[in-house]
Protein backbone atom coordinates (compact mmCIF):
# COMPACT_ATOMS: atom_id res chain seq x y z
CA MET A 1 19.22 -0.13 -57.21
CA LYS A 2 17.46 -2.60 -59.49
CA LEU A 3 18.71 -5.45 -57.31
CA LEU A 4 17.23 -3.82 -54.19
CA ALA A 5 13.88 -3.31 -55.95
CA LEU A 6 13.86 -6.93 -57.10
CA PHE A 7 14.67 -8.14 -53.55
CA LEU A 8 11.83 -6.04 -52.09
CA LEU A 9 9.39 -7.34 -54.69
CA VAL A 10 10.27 -10.96 -53.97
CA PHE A 11 10.18 -10.39 -50.21
CA LEU A 12 6.81 -8.65 -50.25
CA THR A 13 5.15 -11.22 -52.50
CA SER A 14 6.44 -14.09 -50.37
CA CYS A 15 5.08 -12.41 -47.22
CA ALA A 16 1.69 -11.86 -48.85
CA THR A 17 1.31 -15.50 -49.86
CA ARG A 18 2.14 -16.99 -46.45
CA SER A 19 -0.72 -17.99 -44.23
CA PRO A 20 -0.81 -16.19 -40.90
CA LYS A 21 0.27 -18.17 -37.87
CA VAL A 22 -2.30 -18.60 -35.14
CA VAL A 23 -0.76 -17.94 -31.79
CA LYS A 24 -2.63 -18.98 -28.67
CA GLU A 25 -2.13 -16.32 -26.05
CA LYS A 26 -2.16 -17.13 -22.40
CA PRO A 27 -4.74 -15.08 -20.56
CA GLU A 28 -3.14 -12.08 -18.96
CA ALA A 29 -3.40 -11.89 -15.23
CA PRO A 30 -4.93 -8.65 -14.01
CA VAL A 31 -3.07 -6.40 -11.60
CA TYR A 32 -4.41 -6.34 -8.02
CA LEU A 33 -3.47 -4.71 -4.77
CA SER A 34 -1.80 -7.29 -2.56
CA PRO A 35 -4.08 -9.00 -0.03
CA LEU A 36 -1.73 -7.72 2.69
CA LYS A 37 1.55 -5.87 2.95
CA GLY A 38 4.70 -7.96 3.04
CA SER A 39 7.44 -9.62 1.03
CA LEU A 40 6.55 -12.08 -1.75
CA GLU A 41 8.02 -15.54 -2.09
CA VAL A 42 7.05 -17.71 -5.07
CA ILE A 43 5.86 -21.12 -3.85
CA GLY A 44 4.52 -23.68 -6.31
CA ARG A 45 1.58 -22.24 -8.23
CA GLY A 46 1.24 -19.09 -6.14
CA VAL A 47 3.03 -16.80 -3.73
CA PHE A 48 3.50 -16.68 0.00
CA ILE A 49 3.25 -13.13 1.33
CA ARG A 50 5.25 -12.84 4.54
CA SER A 51 3.83 -10.41 7.06
CA ARG A 52 3.18 -10.10 10.76
CA CYS A 53 0.98 -12.66 12.47
CA GLY A 54 -2.56 -11.37 12.75
CA ASP A 55 -2.34 -8.80 9.90
CA PHE A 56 -5.64 -8.40 8.07
CA VAL A 57 -6.01 -10.30 4.79
CA ARG A 58 -8.17 -8.45 2.26
CA ALA A 59 -9.99 -9.66 -0.87
CA VAL A 60 -8.22 -8.45 -4.01
CA ALA A 61 -11.50 -8.10 -5.99
CA GLU A 62 -15.25 -8.19 -5.53
CA GLY A 63 -16.93 -11.60 -5.74
CA ARG A 64 -18.55 -14.51 -3.95
CA VAL A 65 -16.92 -16.89 -1.47
CA VAL A 66 -17.19 -20.37 -2.96
CA TYR A 67 -15.30 -22.11 -0.15
CA SER A 68 -14.24 -21.21 3.36
CA GLY A 69 -12.83 -24.01 5.49
CA LYS A 70 -10.02 -26.45 6.16
CA ASP A 71 -7.95 -27.64 3.19
CA VAL A 72 -6.49 -31.11 2.72
CA ASP A 73 -3.37 -29.86 0.89
CA ASN A 74 -1.77 -28.43 4.01
CA PHE A 75 -2.90 -24.86 3.43
CA GLY A 76 -4.73 -24.72 6.74
CA TRP A 77 -7.83 -22.53 6.56
CA VAL A 78 -8.60 -21.60 2.98
CA VAL A 79 -10.88 -18.96 1.49
CA MET A 80 -11.71 -19.16 -2.25
CA VAL A 81 -13.37 -16.18 -3.90
CA GLU A 82 -14.94 -16.39 -7.36
CA GLN A 83 -14.39 -12.85 -8.60
CA LYS A 84 -16.73 -10.81 -10.79
CA ASP A 85 -13.96 -10.58 -13.42
CA GLY A 86 -14.03 -14.38 -13.87
CA PHE A 87 -10.89 -15.26 -11.94
CA LEU A 88 -10.66 -17.32 -8.77
CA SER A 89 -8.55 -16.14 -5.84
CA VAL A 90 -7.29 -18.70 -3.33
CA TYR A 91 -6.09 -17.52 0.09
CA GLY A 92 -4.38 -20.16 2.18
CA LYS A 93 -2.89 -20.21 5.68
CA ILE A 94 -5.68 -17.91 6.89
CA ASN A 95 -6.00 -17.72 10.66
CA ASN A 96 -9.60 -17.40 11.73
CA PRO A 97 -11.49 -16.61 8.46
CA TRP A 98 -14.10 -13.87 8.74
CA VAL A 99 -16.23 -14.99 5.78
CA ARG A 100 -18.39 -18.03 5.00
CA SER A 101 -19.19 -19.93 1.81
CA GLY A 102 -21.85 -18.17 -0.26
CA GLU A 103 -21.12 -14.76 1.22
CA ARG A 104 -20.48 -11.79 -1.08
CA VAL A 105 -17.27 -9.83 -0.52
CA LYS A 106 -16.26 -6.39 -1.70
CA ARG A 107 -12.88 -5.37 -3.00
CA ARG A 108 -10.43 -4.83 -0.07
CA GLN A 109 -12.88 -6.35 2.45
CA VAL A 110 -11.17 -8.13 5.34
CA ILE A 111 -11.62 -11.90 4.91
CA GLY A 112 -9.40 -13.08 7.77
CA LYS A 113 -6.08 -12.74 9.50
CA ALA A 114 -2.60 -13.88 8.45
CA GLY A 115 -1.68 -17.26 9.85
CA ARG A 116 1.53 -19.17 10.46
CA TRP A 117 3.34 -21.34 7.92
CA LYS A 118 6.51 -23.18 8.93
CA ASP A 119 8.58 -20.49 10.69
CA ALA A 120 6.83 -17.44 9.17
CA CYS A 121 3.56 -15.59 9.34
CA GLY A 122 1.62 -14.55 6.26
CA VAL A 123 -0.81 -15.84 3.65
CA TYR A 124 -0.56 -18.03 0.56
CA TYR A 125 -2.17 -16.45 -2.51
CA GLU A 126 -3.01 -18.07 -5.82
CA LEU A 127 -4.92 -16.76 -8.87
CA ARG A 128 -6.68 -19.15 -11.24
CA ASP A 129 -8.35 -18.56 -14.62
CA LYS A 130 -11.83 -19.68 -15.71
CA GLU A 131 -10.58 -23.23 -16.40
CA GLY A 132 -8.99 -23.49 -12.98
CA LYS A 133 -5.41 -23.22 -14.23
CA PRO A 134 -3.07 -21.19 -12.00
CA LEU A 135 -1.77 -17.87 -13.33
CA LYS A 136 1.22 -15.91 -12.14
CA PRO A 137 -0.42 -13.26 -9.97
CA VAL A 138 0.50 -9.61 -10.50
CA LEU A 139 0.33 -7.83 -7.15
CA ARG A 140 1.12 -4.23 -6.28
């Protein structure tokens, strides 16, 4: 019993004298409703959501469109929305975007239609933090 008490005393004093470790946490990605119904496929920094051609693509959160136009990275028509919560949503492979740069969008507002990518229809979705680093999106 004395040995156990001595062990606990040594253990507790050693824990109290250690400096706490600073752990940098990655920002947690919020949970959003998917921009459209379909199956998810992880591609690079984001996901490709397979659906039917022409399905409506909806904004996952309220915000302002910072870019709507052709992309040079082979994503076709792209819509980028700076969300009120500080994140940036990137929607690629949009067919016929319905919004323009500078326009405000509401949560679940239609921003375009699903386009074609390789042999499938759907939309590419990517979520970025305040520094522009891609996060793993959490979609329901």
